[in-house]
Amino acid sequence: MKREELEALRAKVSCEAVLERAGYEIDLKESTRRAVKYRRSGSIVIVTHDGRGWFDPLSDEKGDVFGLAMSLEGVPFLSATEAVASIVGYQLSRPEWRSSRSSVPVKDICDRWRSRRSPFPGSGAWRYLSWQRLIPSAIIRQAIREDILREGPFGSMWAAHVDSHGRVVGWEERGPKWRGFSTGGSKLLFRLGRSDANRLCVTEAAIDAMSLAALEGSRERTLYLSTGGGWSPATDATLAELTMRPGLTLVAATDANSQGDIYAERLRAVSEASGCDWQRLRPPAEDWNEVLKAKDKERRERKMEKKRRPAACAPAASREASPGTPALDPAGHGRSNAGGVMKD
């Protein structure tokens, strides 16, 4: 099938149609217009981008309608395209989605944010960030000082997205068994670092922004940013505003995959429009948190290898007799350390 045909097929069949045909049911109570939740037994799939994208909140799986068909059926790409083609024109059993509410006032979002406490050593969010994501304590404490982290429910953490006035307008939600974005919140940018930075590193998740800060040692005059996995017109406008300052470098530190490359090109366009420098900082693994985990694993392996090495020979000084212990003269006769001859 040619590329043009694949694109046309992708536009005709939504991820929701594939899920309905596979026996999934919509969870209206926990769905929004931007994120429609489907369930089947213990399996959950969130549909995004008006039915064109999806992700599994309990794993790292995500993609388009073809990727969804491959995941659900366990079939290769060619078979997935045939399965998708077979449901062209499928009508969803539910009416077109209508959100029960419009945008949530910023004041309500801020009140919800303030009602949650900051993480602390031993708390659920702290354990998740430190033990599972291996974010160093110094970076966690920096984020707490900058008031951009909160304790979420069930051991999760909230990472704030703020506007140009410093107001919280939404937050990324990440935990051992859940990932999402605040209901009614707006995706702008998560920001870690100084506001007067001359180097902006843009990642796709707050976890990656904190991971990159840890890997670089939280470089001076660097602001680590996250788009939260999305790219709204408001995000584009905010980045354009941030890059207007002279002498600034915009770093595309997005994931090492096709989606990350697409975001990197969007960032290149932002830099060209503002006239600032642009760099592509591509992680050697899928994302920066994977790089951080790999580095920690290498460090622990080196430490274990050092412990397993046989002890080196003791230096000459350590082989000398200790004070008060008889030593041997060149002829093999005993001598006291004080110089008195020992009787044989």
Protein backbone atom coordinates (compact mmCIF):
# COMPACT_ATOMS: atom_id res chain seq x y z
CA MET A 1 0.00 0.00 0.00
CA LYS A 2 1.40 3.39 -1.02
CA ARG A 3 2.08 6.18 1.43
CA GLU A 4 -0.79 8.29 0.06
CA GLU A 5 -3.19 5.39 0.51
CA LEU A 6 -2.03 4.84 4.09
CA GLU A 7 -2.57 8.51 4.91
CA ALA A 8 -6.06 8.42 3.40
CA LEU A 9 -6.90 5.27 5.37
CA ARG A 10 -5.57 6.78 8.60
CA ALA A 11 -7.86 9.78 8.06
CA LYS A 12 -10.94 7.60 7.47
CA VAL A 13 -10.72 5.29 10.49
CA SER A 14 -10.50 6.52 14.07
CA CYS A 15 -8.87 4.72 16.96
CA GLU A 16 -12.26 4.68 18.68
CA ALA A 17 -13.73 2.57 15.88
CA VAL A 18 -10.92 0.03 16.23
CA LEU A 19 -11.47 -0.15 20.00
CA GLU A 20 -15.25 -0.57 19.71
CA ARG A 21 -14.82 -3.39 17.21
CA ALA A 22 -12.39 -5.01 19.67
CA GLY A 23 -14.97 -4.95 22.48
CA TYR A 24 -13.82 -1.89 24.40
CA GLU A 25 -16.38 0.37 26.03
CA ILE A 26 -16.13 4.10 26.65
CA ASP A 27 -15.84 5.34 30.23
CA LEU A 28 -17.88 8.53 29.96
CA LYS A 29 -17.35 9.48 33.59
CA GLU A 30 -13.57 9.65 33.20
CA SER A 31 -13.44 10.92 29.61
CA THR A 32 -12.99 14.39 28.23
CA ARG A 33 -13.20 15.65 24.69
CA ARG A 34 -9.40 15.60 24.38
CA ALA A 35 -8.87 12.28 26.15
CA VAL A 36 -11.51 9.57 25.71
CA LYS A 37 -11.01 6.57 27.96
CA TYR A 38 -11.89 3.07 26.81
CA ARG A 39 -11.91 -0.06 28.99
CA ARG A 40 -12.02 -3.81 28.44
CA SER A 41 -11.61 -5.88 31.60
CA GLY A 42 -8.42 -4.52 33.19
CA SER A 43 -7.14 -2.97 29.97
CA ILE A 44 -7.33 0.82 29.42
CA VAL A 45 -6.67 2.84 26.27
CA ILE A 46 -6.85 6.65 26.07
CA VAL A 47 -7.76 8.10 22.67
CA THR A 48 -6.38 11.55 21.83
CA HIS A 49 -6.01 13.99 18.92
CA ASP A 50 -9.65 13.67 17.86
CA GLY A 51 -9.42 9.92 17.46
CA ARG A 52 -6.11 9.90 15.55
CA GLY A 53 -3.82 8.96 18.44
CA TRP A 54 -3.85 6.72 21.52
CA PHE A 55 -1.77 5.62 24.49
CA ASP A 56 -1.88 2.98 27.19
CA PRO A 57 -1.68 4.71 30.62
CA LEU A 58 -0.38 1.49 32.20
CA SER A 59 2.57 1.10 29.84
CA ASP A 60 4.63 3.09 27.32
CA GLU A 61 2.62 1.96 24.29
CA LYS A 62 1.20 4.68 22.04
CA GLY A 63 0.76 5.51 18.37
CA ASP A 64 -1.73 5.89 15.53
CA VAL A 65 -4.61 3.70 14.34
CA PHE A 66 -2.27 1.20 12.68
CA GLY A 67 -0.18 0.87 15.82
CA LEU A 68 -3.37 0.31 17.81
CA ALA A 69 -4.49 -2.50 15.50
CA MET A 70 -1.05 -4.10 15.74
CA SER A 71 -1.13 -3.88 19.54
CA LEU A 72 -4.66 -5.23 19.97
CA GLU A 73 -4.39 -8.07 17.45
CA GLY A 74 -0.71 -8.88 17.84
CA VAL A 75 -0.23 -8.76 14.06
CA PRO A 76 2.41 -7.20 11.77
CA PHE A 77 1.91 -3.87 10.02
CA LEU A 78 0.53 -5.27 6.76
CA SER A 79 -2.16 -7.27 8.57
CA ALA A 80 -2.98 -4.21 10.70
CA THR A 81 -3.59 -2.08 7.60
CA GLU A 82 -5.97 -4.74 6.26
CA ALA A 83 -7.84 -4.82 9.59
CA VAL A 84 -8.16 -1.04 9.59
CA ALA A 85 -9.33 -1.00 5.96
CA SER A 86 -12.06 -3.49 6.81
CA ILE A 87 -13.85 -0.99 9.08
CA VAL A 88 -13.86 2.06 6.83
CA GLY A 89 -17.21 3.78 7.33
CA TYR A 90 -17.81 2.20 10.74
CA GLN A 91 -20.21 4.31 12.79
CA LEU A 92 -19.52 4.71 16.50
CA SER A 93 -22.29 3.57 18.82
CA ARG A 94 -22.06 6.79 20.80
CA PRO A 95 -22.95 10.26 19.49
CA GLU A 96 -20.22 12.79 18.74
CA TRP A 97 -18.40 13.73 21.91
CA ARG A 98 -19.67 16.79 23.70
CA SER A 99 -17.81 18.05 26.70
CA SER A 100 -20.03 18.68 29.70
CA ARG A 101 -17.99 21.72 30.61
CA SER A 102 -15.85 24.31 28.95
CA SER A 103 -12.43 25.37 30.16
CA VAL A 104 -11.89 25.46 33.91
CA PRO A 105 -11.17 28.94 35.34
CA VAL A 106 -7.51 29.50 36.22
CA LYS A 107 -8.53 30.30 39.79
CA ASP A 108 -10.08 26.83 40.22
CA ILE A 109 -6.98 25.19 38.77
CA CYS A 110 -4.75 27.18 41.13
CA ASP A 111 -6.92 26.28 44.12
CA ARG A 112 -6.68 22.58 43.28
CA TRP A 113 -2.91 22.91 42.96
CA ARG A 114 -2.54 24.70 46.28
CA SER A 115 -4.67 22.10 48.04
CA ARG A 116 -1.97 19.45 47.47
CA ARG A 117 1.18 19.37 49.59
CA SER A 118 4.74 19.43 48.27
CA PRO A 119 6.67 16.14 48.14
CA PHE A 120 8.98 15.29 51.05
CA PRO A 121 11.51 12.49 51.66
CA GLY A 122 9.58 9.24 51.99
CA SER A 123 6.35 10.57 50.47
CA GLY A 124 4.69 8.82 47.53
CA ALA A 125 5.77 11.35 44.92
CA TRP A 126 9.32 11.49 46.33
CA ARG A 127 9.64 7.68 46.22
CA TYR A 128 8.28 7.56 42.67
CA LEU A 129 10.72 10.21 41.43
CA SER A 130 13.72 9.00 43.41
CA TRP A 131 13.30 5.21 43.39
CA GLN A 132 11.52 4.49 40.12
CA ARG A 133 12.69 7.38 37.96
CA LEU A 134 16.09 7.80 39.68
CA ILE A 135 15.84 11.59 39.79
CA PRO A 136 18.54 12.84 42.21
CA SER A 137 17.39 14.41 45.46
CA ALA A 138 19.10 17.70 44.52
CA ILE A 139 16.89 18.06 41.42
CA ILE A 140 13.74 17.11 43.32
CA ARG A 141 14.56 19.70 46.00
CA GLN A 142 15.20 22.35 43.33
CA ALA A 143 11.78 21.67 41.78
CA ILE A 144 10.16 21.88 45.22
CA ARG A 145 11.89 25.21 45.91
CA GLU A 146 10.55 26.50 42.60
CA ASP A 147 7.06 25.28 43.65
CA ILE A 148 6.46 23.16 40.55
CA LEU A 149 5.91 19.75 42.21
CA ARG A 150 2.96 18.41 44.21
CA GLU A 151 1.87 15.12 45.73
CA GLY A 152 -0.72 13.45 43.51
CA PRO A 153 -3.03 10.60 44.55
CA PHE A 154 -1.85 6.98 44.79
CA GLY A 155 1.86 7.73 44.92
CA SER A 156 1.87 9.95 41.82
CA MET A 157 3.45 13.34 41.29
CA TRP A 158 2.12 16.51 39.69
CA ALA A 159 4.45 18.73 37.65
CA ALA A 160 3.12 22.23 37.04
CA HIS A 161 2.67 23.99 33.72
CA VAL A 162 2.72 27.75 34.25
CA ASP A 163 1.94 30.78 32.12
CA SER A 164 4.07 33.89 31.55
CA HIS A 165 2.77 35.34 34.84
CA GLY A 166 3.88 32.30 36.83
CA ARG A 167 0.32 31.04 37.38
CA VAL A 168 -0.32 27.30 37.38
CA VAL A 169 -2.63 26.47 34.47
CA GLY A 170 -2.35 22.67 34.55
CA TRP A 171 0.01 19.85 35.44
CA GLU A 172 1.45 16.61 34.17
CA GLU A 173 0.41 13.60 36.24
CA ARG A 174 2.82 10.67 36.48
CA GLY A 175 2.83 7.71 38.84
CA PRO A 176 3.58 3.99 39.11
CA LYS A 177 0.32 3.06 37.37
CA TRP A 178 -0.96 6.25 35.78
CA ARG A 179 -0.03 9.08 33.48
CA GLY A 180 -2.17 11.91 32.21
CA PHE A 181 -2.80 15.64 32.42
CA SER A 182 -4.93 17.63 34.83
CA THR A 183 -8.63 17.58 33.98
CA GLY A 184 -9.61 21.00 32.69
CA GLY A 185 -6.00 22.21 32.73
CA SER A 186 -4.03 23.76 29.86
CA LYS A 187 -0.75 22.49 28.46
CA LEU A 188 1.77 25.30 28.21
CA LEU A 189 5.23 24.54 29.59
CA PHE A 190 6.76 22.92 32.65
CA ARG A 191 9.73 25.08 33.64
CA LEU A 192 12.72 24.10 35.79
CA GLY A 193 15.47 26.66 36.19
CA ARG A 194 16.07 30.39 35.96
CA SER A 195 13.65 32.56 34.04
CA ASP A 196 16.51 34.71 32.70
CA ALA A 197 18.27 31.71 31.14
CA ASN A 198 20.00 32.08 27.80
CA ARG A 199 19.66 28.38 26.97
CA LEU A 200 16.24 26.70 26.67
CA CYS A 201 16.14 22.88 26.60
CA VAL A 202 12.74 21.62 25.46
CA THR A 203 11.72 18.02 26.29
CA GLU A 204 8.43 16.15 25.96
CA ALA A 205 7.85 15.36 29.64
CA ALA A 206 8.65 16.90 33.02
CA ILE A 207 10.39 13.65 34.00
CA ASP A 208 12.71 14.09 31.01
CA ALA A 209 13.33 17.75 31.82
CA MET A 210 14.40 16.81 35.36
CA SER A 211 16.45 13.87 34.04
CA LEU A 212 18.34 16.09 31.58
CA ALA A 213 18.99 18.62 34.35
CA ALA A 214 20.46 15.78 36.44
CA LEU A 215 22.62 14.54 33.56
CA GLU A 216 23.96 18.02 32.81
CA GLY A 217 24.34 18.97 36.45
CA SER A 218 21.55 21.56 36.18
CA ARG A 219 23.69 23.90 34.06
CA GLU A 220 23.77 27.54 34.99
CA ARG A 221 21.62 29.86 32.87
CA THR A 222 19.64 26.91 31.46
CA LEU A 223 15.86 26.58 31.64
CA TYR A 224 14.59 23.01 31.27
CA LEU A 225 11.13 22.84 29.69
CA SER A 226 8.48 20.23 28.94
CA THR A 227 5.56 20.44 26.53
CA GLY A 228 3.80 17.59 28.32
CA GLY A 229 3.71 15.45 25.18
CA GLY A 230 1.49 17.94 23.34
CA TRP A 231 1.89 20.98 21.14
CA SER A 232 -0.96 23.44 21.38
CA PRO A 233 -1.12 26.89 19.75
CA ALA A 234 -0.62 28.29 23.26
CA THR A 235 2.60 26.28 23.64
CA ASP A 236 3.81 27.62 20.30
CA ALA A 237 3.03 31.20 21.33
CA THR A 238 4.73 30.80 24.72
CA LEU A 239 7.90 29.44 23.13
CA ALA A 240 7.89 32.27 20.61
CA GLU A 241 7.68 34.75 23.49
CA LEU A 242 10.52 33.06 25.41
CA THR A 243 12.86 33.05 22.39
CA MET A 244 12.58 36.77 21.66
CA ARG A 245 15.44 37.63 24.05
CA PRO A 246 18.78 38.28 22.26
CA GLY A 247 21.65 35.80 22.53
CA LEU A 248 19.43 32.83 23.30
CA THR A 249 19.87 29.20 22.20
CA LEU A 250 16.87 26.92 21.74
CA VAL A 251 17.75 23.25 22.26
CA ALA A 252 15.44 20.54 20.90
CA ALA A 253 15.97 17.84 23.55
CA THR A 254 12.96 15.79 22.44
CA ASP A 255 12.77 12.00 22.29
CA ALA A 256 14.88 9.86 19.96
CA ASN A 257 11.98 8.74 17.75
CA SER A 258 9.90 10.00 14.85
CA GLN A 259 7.60 12.05 17.09
CA GLY A 260 10.60 13.63 18.80
CA ASP A 261 12.06 14.53 15.41
CA ILE A 262 8.78 16.18 14.41
CA TYR A 263 8.84 18.28 17.58
CA ALA A 264 12.49 19.14 16.92
CA GLU A 265 11.59 20.51 13.50
CA ARG A 266 8.81 22.59 15.04
CA LEU A 267 11.36 24.02 17.46
CA ARG A 268 13.67 24.77 14.55
CA ALA A 269 10.84 26.76 12.96
CA VAL A 270 10.35 28.69 16.22
CA SER A 271 14.06 29.52 16.36
CA GLU A 272 14.13 30.65 12.73
CA ALA A 273 11.13 32.91 13.30
CA SER A 274 12.72 34.53 16.36
CA GLY A 275 16.27 34.58 15.05
CA CYS A 276 17.80 32.64 17.94
CA ASP A 277 20.28 29.75 17.68
CA TRP A 278 18.97 26.17 17.43
CA GLN A 279 20.48 22.83 18.43
CA ARG A 280 19.27 19.24 18.33
CA LEU A 281 20.20 17.33 21.49
CA ARG A 282 19.12 13.76 20.76
CA PRO A 283 19.18 11.30 23.69
CA PRO A 284 21.26 8.14 23.11
CA ALA A 285 18.27 6.13 24.38
CA GLU A 286 14.51 6.58 23.83
CA ASP A 287 14.31 9.54 26.21
CA TRP A 288 16.40 11.30 28.86
CA ASN A 289 15.02 9.31 31.77
CA GLU A 290 16.15 6.11 30.07
CA VAL A 291 19.60 7.69 29.67
CA LEU A 292 19.64 8.61 33.37
CA LYS A 293 18.66 5.06 34.36
CA ALA A 294 21.33 3.56 32.12
CA LYS A 295 23.98 5.84 33.61
CA ASP A 296 22.93 4.84 37.13
CA LYS A 297 23.09 1.16 36.16
CA GLU A 298 26.63 1.62 34.80
CA ARG A 299 27.68 3.39 37.98
CA ARG A 300 26.33 0.55 40.16
CA GLU A 301 27.98 -2.10 37.96
CA ARG A 302 31.35 -0.31 38.23
CA LYS A 303 30.93 -0.16 41.99
CA MET A 304 30.17 -3.88 42.19
CA GLU A 305 33.10 -4.70 39.91
CA LYS A 306 35.42 -2.69 42.15
CA LYS A 307 34.22 -4.66 45.17
CA ARG A 308 34.82 -7.97 43.38
CA ARG A 309 38.44 -7.18 42.50
CA PRO A 310 41.09 -9.02 44.63
CA ALA A 311 42.85 -6.87 47.16
CA ALA A 312 46.10 -5.45 45.82
CA CYS A 313 49.38 -6.40 47.45
CA ALA A 314 50.02 -4.42 50.59
CA PRO A 315 52.55 -1.61 50.18
CA ALA A 316 56.06 -2.15 51.51
CA ALA A 317 55.51 0.06 54.51
CA SER A 318 52.66 -2.17 55.69
CA ARG A 319 54.96 -5.20 55.67
CA GLU A 320 57.36 -3.64 58.21
CA ALA A 321 57.18 -4.91 61.74
CA SER A 322 54.86 -3.04 63.97
CA PRO A 323 56.23 -1.25 67.02
CA GLY A 324 57.40 -3.77 69.65
CA THR A 325 57.51 -6.70 67.22
CA PRO A 326 60.88 -8.43 66.66
CA ALA A 327 62.37 -7.87 63.22
CA LEU A 328 65.07 -9.84 61.41
CA ASP A 329 68.49 -8.47 60.55
CA PRO A 330 70.00 -9.32 57.17
CA ALA A 331 71.55 -12.47 58.69
CA GLY A 332 68.24 -13.65 59.92
CA HIS A 333 68.88 -12.87 63.62
CA GLY A 334 66.23 -11.24 65.67
CA ARG A 335 66.46 -7.53 66.59
CA SER A 336 64.31 -5.38 68.78
CA ASN A 337 62.84 -2.28 67.26
CA ALA A 338 64.70 -0.29 69.84
CA GLY A 339 68.03 -1.47 68.47
CA GLY A 340 68.86 -4.00 71.24
CA VAL A 341 70.08 -7.38 70.02
CA MET A 342 67.73 -10.21 70.74
CA LYS A 343 69.23 -13.40 72.09
CA ASP A 344 68.77 -16.43 69.86
